[in-house]
Amino acid sequence: MGTYIAQADVESFFGTENVAEWGDPDGDANTTTIAARVTDSIAWAEGYVSDRLRGGGYQIPFVADGSAGATLGTLTRCMVLLAGADLYGRRGMAEGRPESQAMAGHRKAAEETISQIAADQIRLPALRRSSRMTTAPYVVTPERAAAAQSRIGNGGG
């Protein structure tokens, strides 16, 4: 299971039988192998989307902003499409088959949506990145803590 999507999400969109077939390169119905391959595709898709949007307008990891009914549905749909396309493609399916064309369409739709999110043409109901957010670990030494406390005690000056 990933941070944002699970195998059940991929199966819900693409169908349980399809996901099982795509995740079974040896055709032996080994559920451990299938689950591992699906998990790997999910991890790749989640990482890819996060990397594409890193440094943009959203806090990563993505968090719904708490507004009424806010979900990350657009974002997770992109991840599901990419995970399914990755899983399908890793099986080595022949080019030109109708399924290959459909997968290319799913991947293209996900890529276009991610580009629109990056360009702020689609706004997610997710926490926005603050310019004051640290992007690396920040260590507070006792001296810095004392200095900050004295500034707060002096009205911030």
Protein backbone atom coordinates (compact mmCIF):
# COMPACT_ATOMS: atom_id res chain seq x y z
CA MET A 1 0.00 0.00 0.00
CA GLY A 2 1.25 3.44 -0.87
CA THR A 3 0.91 6.75 0.89
CA TYR A 4 -1.94 7.96 -1.33
CA ILE A 5 -3.27 4.94 -3.23
CA ALA A 6 -3.57 1.21 -2.68
CA GLN A 7 -3.82 -1.87 -4.87
CA ALA A 8 -7.60 -1.71 -4.45
CA ASP A 9 -7.61 1.73 -6.12
CA VAL A 10 -5.70 0.43 -9.13
CA GLU A 11 -7.97 -2.62 -9.30
CA SER A 12 -11.09 -0.46 -9.02
CA PHE A 13 -10.06 1.56 -12.09
CA PHE A 14 -8.48 -1.15 -14.26
CA GLY A 15 -10.22 -4.27 -12.97
CA THR A 16 -8.97 -6.92 -10.58
CA GLU A 17 -8.34 -9.50 -13.32
CA ASN A 18 -6.35 -7.05 -15.45
CA VAL A 19 -4.17 -5.97 -12.53
CA ALA A 20 -3.55 -9.61 -11.59
CA GLU A 21 -2.60 -10.44 -15.19
CA TRP A 22 -0.29 -7.44 -15.56
CA GLY A 23 1.40 -8.17 -12.24
CA ASP A 24 1.98 -11.84 -13.11
CA PRO A 25 4.92 -12.00 -15.55
CA ASP A 26 5.32 -15.76 -15.16
CA GLY A 27 1.63 -16.59 -15.47
CA ASP A 28 1.74 -18.72 -12.32
CA ALA A 29 -0.81 -16.67 -10.31
CA ASN A 30 1.71 -16.17 -7.49
CA THR A 31 -0.13 -13.63 -5.32
CA THR A 32 3.08 -12.59 -3.54
CA THR A 33 4.74 -11.68 -6.85
CA ILE A 34 1.63 -9.88 -8.09
CA ALA A 35 1.27 -7.85 -4.88
CA ALA A 36 4.98 -6.94 -4.92
CA ARG A 37 4.81 -5.75 -8.53
CA VAL A 38 1.65 -3.73 -7.89
CA THR A 39 3.23 -2.19 -4.78
CA ASP A 40 6.33 -1.29 -6.80
CA SER A 41 4.25 0.39 -9.52
CA ILE A 42 2.27 2.32 -6.89
CA ALA A 43 5.48 3.49 -5.19
CA TRP A 44 6.90 4.58 -8.53
CA ALA A 45 3.72 6.49 -9.48
CA GLU A 46 3.46 8.26 -6.14
CA GLY A 47 7.14 9.21 -6.21
CA TYR A 48 6.94 10.38 -9.80
CA VAL A 49 3.97 12.67 -9.14
CA SER A 50 5.59 14.04 -5.99
CA ASP A 51 8.83 14.68 -7.88
CA ARG A 52 7.03 16.40 -10.76
CA LEU A 53 5.29 18.76 -8.34
CA ARG A 54 8.14 19.22 -5.84
CA GLY A 55 9.16 22.85 -5.42
CA GLY A 56 5.82 24.03 -6.80
CA GLY A 57 2.86 25.44 -4.98
CA TYR A 58 1.98 22.45 -2.81
CA GLN A 59 3.34 21.05 0.40
CA ILE A 60 4.80 17.58 -0.07
CA PRO A 61 3.72 15.17 1.24
CA PHE A 62 0.35 16.27 -0.10
CA VAL A 63 -2.30 16.92 2.54
CA ALA A 64 -5.94 17.84 1.92
CA ASP A 65 -6.50 21.41 3.06
CA GLY A 66 -9.41 20.62 5.38
CA SER A 67 -12.05 22.47 3.39
CA ALA A 68 -15.47 20.84 3.27
CA GLY A 69 -15.32 17.66 1.22
CA ALA A 70 -11.68 18.21 0.26
CA THR A 71 -10.01 15.15 -1.18
CA LEU A 72 -6.96 14.65 -3.31
CA GLY A 73 -9.03 12.86 -5.97
CA THR A 74 -7.46 14.54 -8.99
CA LEU A 75 -3.99 13.82 -7.71
CA THR A 76 -4.73 10.23 -6.73
CA ARG A 77 -6.42 9.56 -10.08
CA CYS A 78 -3.17 10.58 -11.80
CA MET A 79 -1.27 8.20 -9.53
CA VAL A 80 -3.68 5.34 -10.27
CA LEU A 81 -3.40 5.93 -14.03
CA LEU A 82 0.39 6.02 -13.88
CA ALA A 83 0.62 2.97 -11.62
CA GLY A 84 -1.62 0.98 -13.97
CA ALA A 85 0.31 2.08 -17.04
CA ASP A 86 3.61 1.22 -15.36
CA LEU A 87 2.39 -2.20 -14.29
CA TYR A 88 1.01 -2.90 -17.77
CA GLY A 89 4.17 -1.69 -19.50
CA ARG A 90 6.51 -3.75 -17.32
CA ARG A 91 4.85 -6.92 -18.56
CA GLY A 92 6.15 -6.23 -22.05
CA MET A 93 2.82 -6.07 -23.88
CA ALA A 94 2.98 -5.70 -27.64
CA GLU A 95 2.76 -2.22 -29.12
CA GLY A 96 -0.24 -1.52 -31.29
CA ARG A 97 -2.68 -3.61 -29.28
CA PRO A 98 -5.84 -1.76 -28.24
CA GLU A 99 -4.83 -2.06 -24.57
CA SER A 100 -1.45 -0.47 -25.32
CA GLN A 101 -3.17 2.48 -26.97
CA ALA A 102 -5.54 2.83 -24.02
CA MET A 103 -2.62 2.78 -21.58
CA ALA A 104 -0.80 5.43 -23.59
CA GLY A 105 -3.97 7.54 -23.38
CA HIS A 106 -4.20 7.07 -19.61
CA ARG A 107 -0.56 8.02 -19.16
CA LYS A 108 -0.98 11.08 -21.41
CA ALA A 109 -4.06 12.20 -19.47
CA ALA A 110 -2.18 11.87 -16.18
CA GLU A 111 0.85 13.76 -17.53
CA GLU A 112 -1.34 16.59 -18.85
CA THR A 113 -3.16 16.89 -15.54
CA ILE A 114 0.12 16.96 -13.60
CA SER A 115 1.40 19.69 -15.93
CA GLN A 116 -1.79 21.70 -15.34
CA ILE A 117 -1.41 21.31 -11.57
CA ALA A 118 2.23 22.43 -11.82
CA ALA A 119 1.18 25.47 -13.85
CA ASP A 120 -1.60 26.26 -11.32
CA GLN A 121 -4.26 25.78 -14.02
CA ILE A 122 -5.79 23.13 -11.76
CA ARG A 123 -5.82 24.00 -8.08
CA LEU A 124 -5.89 21.11 -5.66
CA PRO A 125 -7.68 21.32 -2.31
CA ALA A 126 -4.32 20.67 -0.69
CA LEU A 127 -2.10 22.61 1.67
CA ARG A 128 -0.06 25.16 -0.20
CA ARG A 129 3.67 25.46 0.26
CA SER A 130 4.69 28.46 2.28
CA SER A 131 7.74 30.43 1.27
CA ARG A 132 8.76 30.15 4.94
CA MET A 133 8.69 26.35 4.93
CA THR A 134 12.01 24.65 5.34
CA THR A 135 12.96 22.24 2.60
CA ALA A 136 15.75 20.65 4.63
CA PRO A 137 16.19 19.66 8.25
CA TYR A 138 16.50 22.66 10.54
CA VAL A 139 18.40 22.35 13.80
CA VAL A 140 17.59 24.65 16.68
CA THR A 141 20.51 25.01 19.05
CA PRO A 142 19.96 26.14 22.65
CA GLU A 143 21.50 29.51 21.71
CA ARG A 144 19.06 30.01 18.80
CA ALA A 145 16.13 28.97 20.96
CA ALA A 146 17.15 31.50 23.63
CA ALA A 147 17.60 34.24 21.02
CA ALA A 148 14.19 33.52 19.51
CA GLN A 149 12.58 33.51 22.96
CA SER A 150 14.17 36.87 23.79
CA ARG A 151 12.88 38.37 20.52
CA ILE A 152 9.38 37.14 21.30
CA GLY A 153 9.64 38.55 24.79
CA ASN A 154 10.80 41.90 23.35
CA GLY A 155 7.94 42.17 20.87
CA GLY A 156 9.79 40.40 18.06
CA GLY A 157 12.42 43.06 17.58
